[in-house]
Amino acid sequence: MLTLWAAVVAERLGFDHREALTLGRAVAGLNAYSKGNALGLFAPTPKEVHERRRKMRAAEGVTVDLLQRAIPCVRSDDGIRALSGDQPINPASVDRYLASKFGRALGEVRDAMTALARSMTPTRLAACAYQLYEEFRPTVPAGVKGWGAAGILSIDKIRSLAR
């Protein structure tokens, strides 16, 4: 859900479709990592490794702010690509992931999210995109019980937010 929404928001903010897919995947990955840490499901990266990565990214790439996350990216011949670890994310793999999660509903969900994103200026959307996500994301149990749990998406809820 978050991958698709972040990609839709990134497109509304001016990134091309393939760039937006990688940014969406990175946002979802960073959120999952933060939640996993908070739930004690895995240990955070040691400080020295994190600092080394930060310096490497600062020297070689760019950072894109999206849905309250600073996304490390690199420029390539094909445009900006968000990083997973130190590797650029492949937009085709994100497309396959979204298709596997949403199935035939992908187009309808994407259309509803796009209408919501277009219902406001890019500046306003950039400021409130994560709060909008919190409004329409499916409800799952709190804590470890909710880790990876599927919820029921209401497309009508997304559409209502666009009005």
C-alpha atoms as a PDB file:
ATOM      1  CA  MET A   1       0.000   0.000   0.000  1.00  0.00           C
ATOM      2  CA  LEU A   2       2.669   2.472   1.056  1.00  0.00           C
ATOM      3  CA  THR A   3       4.880   1.620  -1.928  1.00  0.00           C
ATOM      4  CA  LEU A   4       2.099   2.486  -4.364  1.00  0.00           C
ATOM      5  CA  TRP A   5       0.995   5.629  -2.528  1.00  0.00           C
ATOM      6  CA  ALA A   6       4.554   6.964  -2.239  1.00  0.00           C
ATOM      7  CA  ALA A   7       5.112   6.296  -5.956  1.00  0.00           C
ATOM      8  CA  VAL A   8       1.901   8.139  -6.858  1.00  0.00           C
ATOM      9  CA  VAL A   9       2.928  11.073  -4.653  1.00  0.00           C
ATOM     10  CA  ALA A  10       6.423  11.133  -6.179  1.00  0.00           C
ATOM     11  CA  GLU A  11       4.920  11.309  -9.685  1.00  0.00           C
ATOM     12  CA  ARG A  12       2.667  14.203  -8.639  1.00  0.00           C
ATOM     13  CA  LEU A  13       5.760  15.951  -7.301  1.00  0.00           C
ATOM     14  CA  GLY A  14       7.435  15.706 -10.712  1.00  0.00           C
ATOM     15  CA  PHE A  15       9.370  12.449 -10.817  1.00  0.00           C
ATOM     16  CA  ASP A  16       8.878  10.205 -13.817  1.00  0.00           C
ATOM     17  CA  HIS A  17       7.086   6.884 -13.361  1.00  0.00           C
ATOM     18  CA  ARG A  18      10.201   4.710 -13.086  1.00  0.00           C
ATOM     19  CA  GLU A  19      11.901   7.111 -10.668  1.00  0.00           C
ATOM     20  CA  ALA A  20       8.711   7.255  -8.602  1.00  0.00           C
ATOM     21  CA  LEU A  21       8.487   3.463  -8.364  1.00  0.00           C
ATOM     22  CA  THR A  22      11.953   3.254  -6.823  1.00  0.00           C
ATOM     23  CA  LEU A  23      11.200   6.097  -4.430  1.00  0.00           C
ATOM     24  CA  GLY A  24       7.968   4.413  -3.354  1.00  0.00           C
ATOM     25  CA  ARG A  25       9.752   1.147  -2.669  1.00  0.00           C
ATOM     26  CA  ALA A  26      12.416   2.935  -0.639  1.00  0.00           C
ATOM     27  CA  VAL A  27       9.843   4.764   1.507  1.00  0.00           C
ATOM     28  CA  ALA A  28       8.071   1.487   2.296  1.00  0.00           C
ATOM     29  CA  GLY A  29      11.366  -0.237   3.061  1.00  0.00           C
ATOM     30  CA  LEU A  30      12.505   2.494   5.430  1.00  0.00           C
ATOM     31  CA  ASN A  31       9.140   2.479   7.207  1.00  0.00           C
ATOM     32  CA  ALA A  32       9.213  -1.306   7.573  1.00  0.00           C
ATOM     33  CA  TYR A  33      12.740  -1.152   8.967  1.00  0.00           C
ATOM     34  CA  SER A  34      11.757   1.508  11.510  1.00  0.00           C
ATOM     35  CA  LYS A  35       8.682  -0.439  12.595  1.00  0.00           C
ATOM     36  CA  GLY A  36      10.683  -3.663  12.868  1.00  0.00           C
ATOM     37  CA  ASN A  37      13.216  -1.925  15.082  1.00  0.00           C
ATOM     38  CA  ALA A  38      10.464  -0.439  17.261  1.00  0.00           C
ATOM     39  CA  LEU A  39       8.900  -3.882  17.674  1.00  0.00           C
ATOM     40  CA  GLY A  40      12.270  -5.465  18.508  1.00  0.00           C
ATOM     41  CA  LEU A  41      12.126  -7.784  15.506  1.00  0.00           C
ATOM     42  CA  PHE A  42      15.682  -7.024  14.435  1.00  0.00           C
ATOM     43  CA  ALA A  43      18.648  -5.028  15.612  1.00  0.00           C
ATOM     44  CA  PRO A  44      19.526  -1.682  14.047  1.00  0.00           C
ATOM     45  CA  THR A  45      22.614  -1.285  11.904  1.00  0.00           C
ATOM     46  CA  PRO A  46      25.725  -0.614  14.033  1.00  0.00           C
ATOM     47  CA  LYS A  47      26.547   3.087  14.238  1.00  0.00           C
ATOM     48  CA  GLU A  48      29.892   2.873  12.450  1.00  0.00           C
ATOM     49  CA  VAL A  49      28.388   1.083   9.422  1.00  0.00           C
ATOM     50  CA  HIS A  50      25.518   3.577   9.306  1.00  0.00           C
ATOM     51  CA  GLU A  51      27.929   6.526   9.447  1.00  0.00           C
ATOM     52  CA  ARG A  52      30.114   5.058   6.691  1.00  0.00           C
ATOM     53  CA  ARG A  53      27.037   4.574   4.481  1.00  0.00           C
ATOM     54  CA  ARG A  54      25.840   8.109   5.144  1.00  0.00           C
ATOM     55  CA  LYS A  55      29.196   9.575   4.100  1.00  0.00           C
ATOM     56  CA  MET A  56      29.340   7.384   1.003  1.00  0.00           C
ATOM     57  CA  ARG A  57      25.826   8.424  -0.070  1.00  0.00           C
ATOM     58  CA  ALA A  58      26.521  12.087   0.597  1.00  0.00           C
ATOM     59  CA  ALA A  59      29.588  11.928  -1.642  1.00  0.00           C
ATOM     60  CA  GLU A  60      28.015   9.959  -4.503  1.00  0.00           C
ATOM     61  CA  GLY A  61      24.316  10.632  -4.556  1.00  0.00           C
ATOM     62  CA  VAL A  62      21.381  12.812  -3.721  1.00  0.00           C
ATOM     63  CA  THR A  63      18.667  12.685  -1.109  1.00  0.00           C
ATOM     64  CA  VAL A  64      14.985  13.011  -1.908  1.00  0.00           C
ATOM     65  CA  ASP A  65      12.522  13.857   0.860  1.00  0.00           C
ATOM     66  CA  LEU A  66       9.259  11.958   0.462  1.00  0.00           C
ATOM     67  CA  LEU A  67       6.536  11.078   2.992  1.00  0.00           C
ATOM     68  CA  GLN A  68       8.682  12.238   5.911  1.00  0.00           C
ATOM     69  CA  ARG A  69      11.641  10.081   4.833  1.00  0.00           C
ATOM     70  CA  ALA A  70      15.035  11.076   3.475  1.00  0.00           C
ATOM     71  CA  ILE A  71      15.577   8.680   0.567  1.00  0.00           C
ATOM     72  CA  PRO A  72      19.165   8.077  -0.552  1.00  0.00           C
ATOM     73  CA  CYS A  73      19.362   8.083  -4.356  1.00  0.00           C
ATOM     74  CA  VAL A  74      21.817   8.025  -7.217  1.00  0.00           C
ATOM     75  CA  ARG A  75      21.626   9.589 -10.647  1.00  0.00           C
ATOM     76  CA  SER A  76      21.842   7.155 -13.530  1.00  0.00           C
ATOM     77  CA  ASP A  77      21.527   7.425 -17.302  1.00  0.00           C
ATOM     78  CA  ASP A  78      17.870   6.445 -16.797  1.00  0.00           C
ATOM     79  CA  GLY A  79      17.169   9.090 -14.125  1.00  0.00           C
ATOM     80  CA  ILE A  80      17.130   9.089 -10.345  1.00  0.00           C
ATOM     81  CA  ARG A  81      17.024   5.708  -8.630  1.00  0.00           C
ATOM     82  CA  ALA A  82      16.419   5.229  -4.918  1.00  0.00           C
ATOM     83  CA  LEU A  83      18.851   2.942  -3.163  1.00  0.00           C
ATOM     84  CA  SER A  84      18.242  -0.219  -1.209  1.00  0.00           C
ATOM     85  CA  GLY A  85      21.393  -0.573   0.809  1.00  0.00           C
ATOM     86  CA  ASP A  86      23.973   0.564  -1.710  1.00  0.00           C
ATOM     87  CA  GLN A  87      22.192  -0.765  -4.816  1.00  0.00           C
ATOM     88  CA  PRO A  88      19.782   1.152  -7.078  1.00  0.00           C
ATOM     89  CA  ILE A  89      16.251  -0.226  -6.948  1.00  0.00           C
ATOM     90  CA  ASN A  90      15.028  -1.747 -10.210  1.00  0.00           C
ATOM     91  CA  PRO A  91      11.693  -0.143 -11.198  1.00  0.00           C
ATOM     92  CA  ALA A  92      10.590  -3.302 -13.024  1.00  0.00           C
ATOM     93  CA  SER A  93      10.883  -5.276  -9.784  1.00  0.00           C
ATOM     94  CA  VAL A  94       8.649  -2.724  -8.055  1.00  0.00           C
ATOM     95  CA  ASP A  95       6.077  -3.048 -10.864  1.00  0.00           C
ATOM     96  CA  ARG A  96       6.089  -6.844 -10.413  1.00  0.00           C
ATOM     97  CA  TYR A  97       5.761  -6.471  -6.636  1.00  0.00           C
ATOM     98  CA  LEU A  98       2.766  -4.144  -6.944  1.00  0.00           C
ATOM     99  CA  ALA A  99       1.084  -6.411  -9.490  1.00  0.00           C
ATOM    100  CA  SER A 100       1.538  -9.404  -7.180  1.00  0.00           C
ATOM    101  CA  LYS A 101       0.065  -7.564  -4.178  1.00  0.00           C
ATOM    102  CA  PHE A 102      -2.873  -5.809  -5.831  1.00  0.00           C
ATOM    103  CA  GLY A 103      -3.669  -8.168  -8.694  1.00  0.00           C
ATOM    104  CA  ARG A 104      -6.498  -6.952 -10.930  1.00  0.00           C
ATOM    105  CA  ALA A 105      -7.320  -4.139  -8.486  1.00  0.00           C
ATOM    106  CA  LEU A 106      -4.006  -2.351  -9.132  1.00  0.00           C
ATOM    107  CA  GLY A 107      -5.362  -0.032 -11.828  1.00  0.00           C
ATOM    108  CA  GLU A 108      -8.417   0.969  -9.812  1.00  0.00           C
ATOM    109  CA  VAL A 109      -6.399   1.583  -6.644  1.00  0.00           C
ATOM    110  CA  ARG A 110      -3.742   3.536  -8.553  1.00  0.00           C
ATOM    111  CA  ASP A 111      -6.453   5.648 -10.220  1.00  0.00           C
ATOM    112  CA  ALA A 112      -8.064   6.468  -6.861  1.00  0.00           C
ATOM    113  CA  MET A 113      -4.689   7.390  -5.362  1.00  0.00           C
ATOM    114  CA  THR A 114      -3.821   9.501  -8.403  1.00  0.00           C
ATOM    115  CA  ALA A 115      -7.105  11.385  -8.101  1.00  0.00           C
ATOM    116  CA  LEU A 116      -6.343  12.037  -4.437  1.00  0.00           C
ATOM    117  CA  ALA A 117      -2.826  13.257  -5.239  1.00  0.00           C
ATOM    118  CA  ARG A 118      -4.161  15.531  -7.989  1.00  0.00           C
ATOM    119  CA  SER A 119      -6.826  16.977  -5.710  1.00  0.00           C
ATOM    120  CA  MET A 120      -4.242  19.275  -4.144  1.00  0.00           C
ATOM    121  CA  THR A 121      -1.218  21.280  -5.126  1.00  0.00           C
ATOM    122  CA  PRO A 122       2.140  19.516  -5.109  1.00  0.00           C
ATOM    123  CA  THR A 123       3.259  21.711  -2.194  1.00  0.00           C
ATOM    124  CA  ARG A 124       0.222  20.794  -0.111  1.00  0.00           C
ATOM    125  CA  LEU A 125       0.534  17.114  -1.041  1.00  0.00           C
ATOM    126  CA  ALA A 126       4.206  17.036  -0.072  1.00  0.00           C
ATOM    127  CA  ALA A 127       3.281  18.416   3.346  1.00  0.00           C
ATOM    128  CA  CYS A 128       0.418  16.032   4.119  1.00  0.00           C
ATOM    129  CA  ALA A 129       1.025  12.862   2.059  1.00  0.00           C
ATOM    130  CA  TYR A 130       1.892  10.656   5.020  1.00  0.00           C
ATOM    131  CA  GLN A 131      -1.087  11.877   7.032  1.00  0.00           C
ATOM    132  CA  LEU A 132      -3.336  11.045   4.069  1.00  0.00           C
ATOM    133  CA  TYR A 133      -1.847   7.557   3.981  1.00  0.00           C
ATOM    134  CA  GLU A 134      -2.657   7.156   7.670  1.00  0.00           C
ATOM    135  CA  GLU A 135      -6.271   8.069   6.848  1.00  0.00           C
ATOM    136  CA  PHE A 136      -6.798   5.389   4.204  1.00  0.00           C
ATOM    137  CA  ARG A 137      -4.374   2.588   4.999  1.00  0.00           C
ATOM    138  CA  PRO A 138      -5.966  -0.686   6.066  1.00  0.00           C
ATOM    139  CA  THR A 139      -6.242  -1.299   9.788  1.00  0.00           C
ATOM    140  CA  VAL A 140      -4.155  -4.169  11.159  1.00  0.00           C
ATOM    141  CA  PRO A 141      -3.570  -5.315  14.738  1.00  0.00           C
ATOM    142  CA  ALA A 142      -1.091  -3.259  16.748  1.00  0.00           C
ATOM    143  CA  GLY A 143       2.368  -4.500  17.653  1.00  0.00           C
ATOM    144  CA  VAL A 144       3.970  -7.729  16.503  1.00  0.00           C
ATOM    145  CA  LYS A 145       0.548  -9.239  15.681  1.00  0.00           C
ATOM    146  CA  GLY A 146       0.145  -6.672  12.915  1.00  0.00           C
ATOM    147  CA  TRP A 147       3.602  -7.221  11.385  1.00  0.00           C
ATOM    148  CA  GLY A 148       2.940  -8.306   7.804  1.00  0.00           C
ATOM    149  CA  ALA A 149      -0.792  -8.713   8.417  1.00  0.00           C
ATOM    150  CA  ALA A 150      -3.130  -8.034   5.521  1.00  0.00           C
ATOM    151  CA  GLY A 151      -5.924  -5.529   5.894  1.00  0.00           C
ATOM    152  CA  ILE A 152      -8.902  -4.573   3.783  1.00  0.00           C
ATOM    153  CA  LEU A 153      -8.473  -1.487   1.628  1.00  0.00           C
ATOM    154  CA  SER A 154     -11.400   0.851   1.090  1.00  0.00           C
ATOM    155  CA  ILE A 155     -11.086   2.502  -2.308  1.00  0.00           C
ATOM    156  CA  ASP A 156     -14.131   4.567  -1.362  1.00  0.00           C
ATOM    157  CA  LYS A 157     -12.152   6.012   1.565  1.00  0.00           C
ATOM    158  CA  ILE A 158      -9.383   7.103  -0.806  1.00  0.00           C
ATOM    159  CA  ARG A 159     -11.930   8.645  -3.166  1.00  0.00           C
ATOM    160  CA  SER A 160     -13.664  10.464  -0.310  1.00  0.00           C
ATOM    161  CA  LEU A 161     -10.377  12.093   0.715  1.00  0.00           C
ATOM    162  CA  ALA A 162     -10.037  13.540  -2.792  1.00  0.00           C
ATOM    163  CA  ARG A 163     -13.267  15.517  -2.424  1.00  0.00           C
END
